[in-house]
C-alpha cells in the first residue's frame, strides 16, 4: 500500500500513514535510521527522516552510531485467505501480521528487544501491548508478531501500531520506558481499516392479523331437526295413553 506523508493535514499524523483500506500497509524507507544519529539529519548518515515518526511525539534516543539499534521498516498485512483465496482487506476482527525489520545490536552483556503495541484510534492513541521479540545477534533482522485487529476504530477509521526497539530495554511505550535506555528507537505506522461487518438479523415468520380468511368447517353429517308438528303429535299420543290408563284403573 502507498505510504502517504500526512504532515500538513488536519489533524496531523506525524508518522507513515496508509489512507486507503488495503490488505497491507508498508512504511517504506521513512523509518530507516534513528533520531538524529550522525547529527546531519540525513538518512545515509543514520538519521531518521521526518523524525520522530510517532503519533504522540515520543522521541528517539540519539546516542550511538548509524549502525547501532534502529527500526528500518514496519509492515502490517492481513494473513487469512478469503473465499476467493485472496488476502482480505485490513478489517476489524481479522488476524494480521506486524512485520518489523530492524538493525540489531548485541554483545555479551545483553540482547536487542522489541515491544509491539496497537491503538484503535491513530488520532488519539491509547497503546495496548500486542507482543515482543528478542534478537541475540547483531545485524539486519526481521521479526513478525501476529495479532487480531481490534474493534472500536476511531471516527476517522484509522488504527496504528507502534514498535519500540532497543538494546537491553524493558517493556515500555516510549523510548525511556523507565529504563533510561539511550539506544532505543520508537516508530509508529497508521493505516485505514474496514469496520467489522454488521451481522444480518435472522428473519422471523410474519403473522398477519386479523387473518384475511376464516377457516371453513364442513361437518360430516347434518344434525336432525325435530319439527314442531312432530312434537305436537307425540304429546297428543302421550295424553291419550294417560286417559286410557285412567279409565282402566279408576273408571269414568
Protein backbone atom coordinates (compact mmCIF):
# COMPACT_ATOMS: atom_id res chain seq x y z
CA UNK A 1 0.00 0.00 0.00
CA UNK A 2 1.19 3.52 -0.71
CA UNK A 3 2.56 5.42 2.25
CA UNK A 4 1.27 8.97 2.46
CA UNK A 5 3.07 11.80 4.24
CA UNK A 6 0.42 13.39 6.42
CA UNK A 7 2.37 16.43 7.61
CA UNK A 8 0.25 19.43 6.87
CA UNK A 9 -3.03 17.53 7.00
CA UNK A 10 -5.64 18.23 9.65
CA UNK A 11 -5.31 16.73 12.13
CA UNK A 12 -1.61 15.93 11.65
CA UNK A 13 -0.34 12.36 11.79
CA UNK A 14 3.40 12.62 12.25
CA UNK A 15 4.01 9.05 11.12
CA UNK A 16 3.73 6.94 7.95
CA UNK A 17 0.06 6.59 7.03
CA UNK A 18 -1.80 4.39 4.53
CA UNK A 19 -5.02 6.33 3.96
CA UNK A 20 -6.75 3.74 1.72
CA UNK A 21 -8.01 0.44 3.11
CA UNK A 22 -5.98 -2.38 1.55
CA UNK A 23 -4.68 -5.79 2.61
CA UNK A 24 -1.33 -4.33 3.75
CA UNK A 25 0.42 -1.14 4.77
CA UNK A 26 4.17 -0.58 4.40
CA UNK A 27 6.17 2.25 5.96
CA UNK A 28 8.67 2.25 3.09
CA UNK A 29 12.06 3.90 3.75
CA UNK A 30 10.73 6.64 6.02
CA UNK A 31 11.61 4.86 9.28
CA UNK A 32 15.20 3.97 8.42
CA UNK A 33 17.73 5.31 10.90
CA UNK A 34 17.07 6.52 14.45
CA UNK A 35 16.54 10.01 15.76
CA UNK A 36 19.38 12.25 14.70
CA UNK A 37 22.16 9.69 14.98
CA UNK A 38 25.04 11.13 12.98
CA UNK A 39 23.80 14.66 13.62
CA UNK A 40 23.21 15.59 9.96
CA UNK A 41 19.50 14.78 9.61
CA UNK A 42 20.24 12.63 6.56
CA UNK A 43 19.22 9.03 6.02
CA UNK A 44 22.64 7.98 4.75
CA UNK A 45 24.24 9.30 7.95
CA UNK A 46 21.93 7.29 10.24
CA UNK A 47 19.35 9.99 10.95
CA UNK A 48 15.64 9.17 10.64
CA UNK A 49 13.65 11.11 8.05
CA UNK A 50 10.87 13.29 9.49
CA UNK A 51 11.71 12.08 12.99
CA UNK A 52 10.39 11.04 15.39
CA UNK A 53 7.67 9.33 13.27
CA UNK A 54 5.42 8.86 16.30
CA UNK A 55 1.80 9.89 16.71
CA UNK A 56 2.32 11.36 20.17
CA UNK A 57 5.79 12.91 19.67
CA UNK A 58 7.53 10.15 21.63
CA UNK A 59 11.21 10.82 20.87
CA UNK A 60 14.01 8.50 19.78
CA UNK A 61 17.29 8.18 21.64
CA UNK A 62 20.14 9.64 19.60
CA UNK A 63 23.11 8.03 21.32
CA UNK A 64 25.43 5.73 19.34
CA UNK A 65 26.50 5.18 15.75
CA UNK A 66 24.49 4.81 12.49
CA UNK A 67 24.93 1.02 12.54
CA UNK A 68 23.58 0.75 16.09
CA UNK A 69 19.98 0.00 17.10
CA UNK A 70 17.23 1.21 14.75
CA UNK A 71 13.88 0.27 13.24
CA UNK A 72 14.12 0.08 9.44
CA UNK A 73 10.58 -0.80 8.35
CA UNK A 74 7.13 -1.74 9.69
CA UNK A 75 4.56 -3.63 7.64
CA UNK A 76 1.02 -4.61 8.64
CA UNK A 77 -0.77 -7.16 6.44
CA UNK A 78 -3.73 -9.48 6.64
CA UNK A 79 -3.00 -13.20 6.73
CA UNK A 80 -6.15 -15.32 6.37
CA UNK A 81 -7.26 -16.02 2.79
CA UNK A 82 -10.86 -15.21 1.93
CA UNK A 83 -13.27 -17.37 -0.07
CA UNK A 84 -11.52 -16.30 -3.28
CA UNK A 85 -8.08 -17.34 -1.96
CA UNK A 86 -7.02 -13.70 -1.70
CA UNK A 87 -5.80 -11.70 1.26
CA UNK A 88 -8.75 -9.71 2.64
CA UNK A 89 -8.67 -6.01 3.42
CA UNK A 90 -7.39 -4.94 6.80
CA UNK A 91 -10.56 -5.24 8.86
CA UNK A 92 -11.61 -5.20 12.49
CA UNK A 93 -11.68 -8.70 13.95
CA UNK A 94 -9.37 -10.27 11.34
CA UNK A 95 -5.87 -11.53 12.08
CA UNK A 96 -2.89 -9.60 10.76
CA UNK A 97 0.89 -9.71 10.95
CA UNK A 98 3.11 -6.91 12.11
CA UNK A 99 6.43 -7.40 10.32
CA UNK A 100 9.35 -5.45 11.75
CA UNK A 101 12.73 -5.02 10.05
CA UNK A 102 15.43 -3.78 12.44
CA UNK A 103 19.13 -3.12 12.77
CA UNK A 104 20.05 -5.11 15.88
CA UNK A 105 22.97 -4.80 18.26
CA UNK A 106 24.03 -7.45 20.70
CA UNK A 107 27.07 -8.20 22.84
CA UNK A 108 27.94 -10.47 25.78
CA UNK A 109 26.14 -8.11 28.15
CA UNK A 110 22.69 -8.20 26.63
CA UNK A 111 20.38 -8.53 23.64
CA UNK A 112 18.17 -6.40 21.41
CA UNK A 113 14.48 -6.44 22.30
CA UNK A 114 11.37 -5.17 20.60
CA UNK A 115 7.92 -4.43 22.03
CA UNK A 116 4.84 -4.07 19.81
CA UNK A 117 1.64 -2.14 20.59
CA UNK A 118 -1.60 -1.26 18.81
CA UNK A 119 -4.10 1.59 19.08
CA UNK A 120 -7.66 1.69 17.73
CA UNK A 121 -7.53 5.45 17.07
CA UNK A 122 -4.41 6.85 15.42
CA UNK A 123 -5.55 10.42 16.14
CA UNK A 124 -5.82 9.79 19.88
CA UNK A 125 -3.75 6.65 20.50
CA UNK A 126 -4.08 4.55 23.62
CA UNK A 127 -1.39 1.91 23.24
CA UNK A 128 -2.10 -1.70 24.16
CA UNK A 129 0.59 -4.37 24.30
CA UNK A 130 0.49 -6.91 21.44
CA UNK A 131 3.73 -8.89 21.69
CA UNK A 132 7.52 -8.74 21.78
CA UNK A 133 10.63 -10.34 20.30
CA UNK A 134 14.29 -10.81 21.20
CA UNK A 135 17.33 -10.80 18.91
CA UNK A 136 20.62 -12.25 20.15
CA UNK A 137 22.89 -11.36 17.23
CA UNK A 138 23.86 -8.09 15.59
CA UNK A 139 22.80 -7.23 12.04
CA UNK A 140 19.68 -6.61 9.98
CA UNK A 141 16.88 -8.88 11.19
CA UNK A 142 13.17 -9.31 10.51
CA UNK A 143 10.65 -10.43 13.12
CA UNK A 144 6.88 -10.99 12.94
CA UNK A 145 4.17 -10.59 15.58
CA UNK A 146 0.63 -11.75 14.84
CA UNK A 147 -2.42 -10.09 16.35
CA UNK A 148 -6.15 -9.57 15.82
CA UNK A 149 -7.12 -6.12 14.55
CA UNK A 150 -9.22 -4.75 17.43
CA UNK A 151 -12.71 -3.33 17.12
CA UNK A 152 -13.62 0.17 18.24
CA UNK A 153 -11.83 2.12 15.50
CA UNK A 154 -11.98 5.90 15.91
CA UNK A 155 -14.28 8.11 13.86
CA UNK A 156 -11.61 8.65 11.20
CA UNK A 157 -11.35 4.89 10.59
CA UNK A 158 -7.59 4.81 11.20
CA UNK A 159 -5.71 2.47 13.57
CA UNK A 160 -2.00 2.29 14.32
CA UNK A 161 0.79 0.04 15.55
CA UNK A 162 3.91 1.02 17.46
CA UNK A 163 7.28 -0.70 17.73
CA UNK A 164 9.76 0.18 20.47
CA UNK A 165 13.13 -1.42 19.84
CA UNK A 166 16.37 -1.12 21.75
CA UNK A 167 19.39 -2.70 23.38
CA UNK A 168 18.63 -4.49 26.63
CA UNK A 169 15.40 -2.50 27.12
CA UNK A 170 12.40 -3.19 29.29
CA UNK A 171 8.73 -3.09 28.41
CA UNK A 172 7.53 0.46 27.74
CA UNK A 173 5.62 2.56 25.21
CA UNK A 174 8.12 5.39 24.83
CA UNK A 175 11.90 5.35 24.39
CA UNK A 176 12.78 5.83 28.07
CA UNK A 177 10.34 3.14 29.18
CA UNK A 178 11.53 3.53 32.76
CA UNK A 179 14.95 2.10 31.92
CA UNK A 180 16.62 5.28 30.61
CA UNK A 181 17.90 3.43 27.57
CA UNK A 182 19.98 5.59 25.23
CA UNK A 183 19.82 3.26 22.21
CA UNK A 184 16.03 2.89 21.82
CA UNK A 185 14.06 3.67 18.67
CA UNK A 186 10.27 4.16 18.64
CA UNK A 187 8.22 4.31 15.42
CA UNK A 188 4.51 4.18 14.52
CA UNK A 189 2.56 3.16 11.43
CA UNK A 190 -1.02 4.37 10.85
CA UNK A 191 -3.40 2.64 8.45
CA UNK A 192 -7.05 2.75 7.45
CA UNK A 193 -9.16 -0.26 8.41
CA UNK A 194 -12.52 -1.55 7.35
CA UNK A 195 -15.14 -1.86 10.11
CA UNK A 196 -16.35 -5.31 11.06
CA UNK A 197 -19.49 -6.33 9.13
CA UNK A 198 -22.78 -5.90 10.96
CA UNK A 199 -24.47 -9.30 11.47
CA UNK A 200 -27.64 -9.76 9.41
CA UNK A 201 -30.59 -10.43 11.75
CA UNK A 202 -32.33 -13.77 11.29
CA UNK A 203 -35.70 -13.36 9.56
CA UNK A 204 -38.73 -14.32 11.63
CA UNK A 205 -42.03 -15.55 10.12
CA UNK A 206 -44.64 -12.80 9.83
CA UNK A 207 -48.19 -13.31 11.06
CA UNK A 208 -50.92 -11.04 9.68
CA UNK A 209 -53.76 -10.04 11.97
CA UNK A 210 -56.61 -10.04 11.55
CA UNK A 211 -56.46 -13.07 9.23
CA UNK A 212 -57.52 -12.47 5.63
CA UNK A 213 -59.83 -15.51 5.62
CA UNK A 214 -61.64 -17.66 8.18
CA UNK A 215 -61.18 -21.41 8.25
CA UNK A 216 -64.03 -23.39 6.70
CA UNK A 217 -65.90 -26.06 8.65
CA UNK A 218 -67.81 -28.87 6.99
CA UNK A 219 -69.44 -31.30 9.41
CA UNK A 220 -69.65 -34.91 8.22
CA UNK A 221 -73.39 -35.04 8.86
CA UNK A 222 -76.16 -32.57 9.44
CA UNK A 223 -77.87 -32.90 12.83
CA UNK A 224 -81.54 -33.92 12.70
CA UNK A 225 -84.09 -31.17 13.10
CA UNK A 226 -87.26 -32.05 15.09
CA UNK A 227 -90.20 -30.23 13.58
CA UNK A 228 -92.86 -28.62 15.75
CA UNK A 229 -95.62 -30.73 14.17
CA UNK A 230 -93.83 -33.95 15.13
CA UNK A 231 -93.54 -32.74 18.70
CA UNK A 232 -97.29 -31.94 18.88
CA UNK A 233 -98.29 -35.39 17.68
CA UNK A 234 -96.08 -37.05 20.24
CA UNK A 235 -97.65 -35.05 23.09
CA UNK A 236 -101.18 -35.94 21.94
CA UNK A 237 -100.28 -39.63 21.91
CA UNK A 238 -98.98 -39.48 25.46
CA UNK A 239 -102.14 -37.67 26.58
CA UNK A 240 -104.40 -40.32 25.03
CA UNK A 241 -102.36 -43.11 26.71
CA UNK A 242 -102.76 -41.36 30.06
CA UNK A 243 -106.53 -41.07 29.63
CA UNK A 244 -106.85 -44.77 28.70
CA UNK A 245 -104.92 -45.91 31.79
CA UNK A 246 -107.00 -43.63 33.99
CA UNK A 247 -110.24 -45.14 32.63
CA UNK A 248 -108.99 -48.71 33.21
CA UNK A 249 -107.86 -48.05 36.77
CA UNK A 250 -110.47 -45.72 38.06
CA UNK A 251 -113.30 -45.90 35.60
CA UNK A 252 -115.02 -42.92 34.18
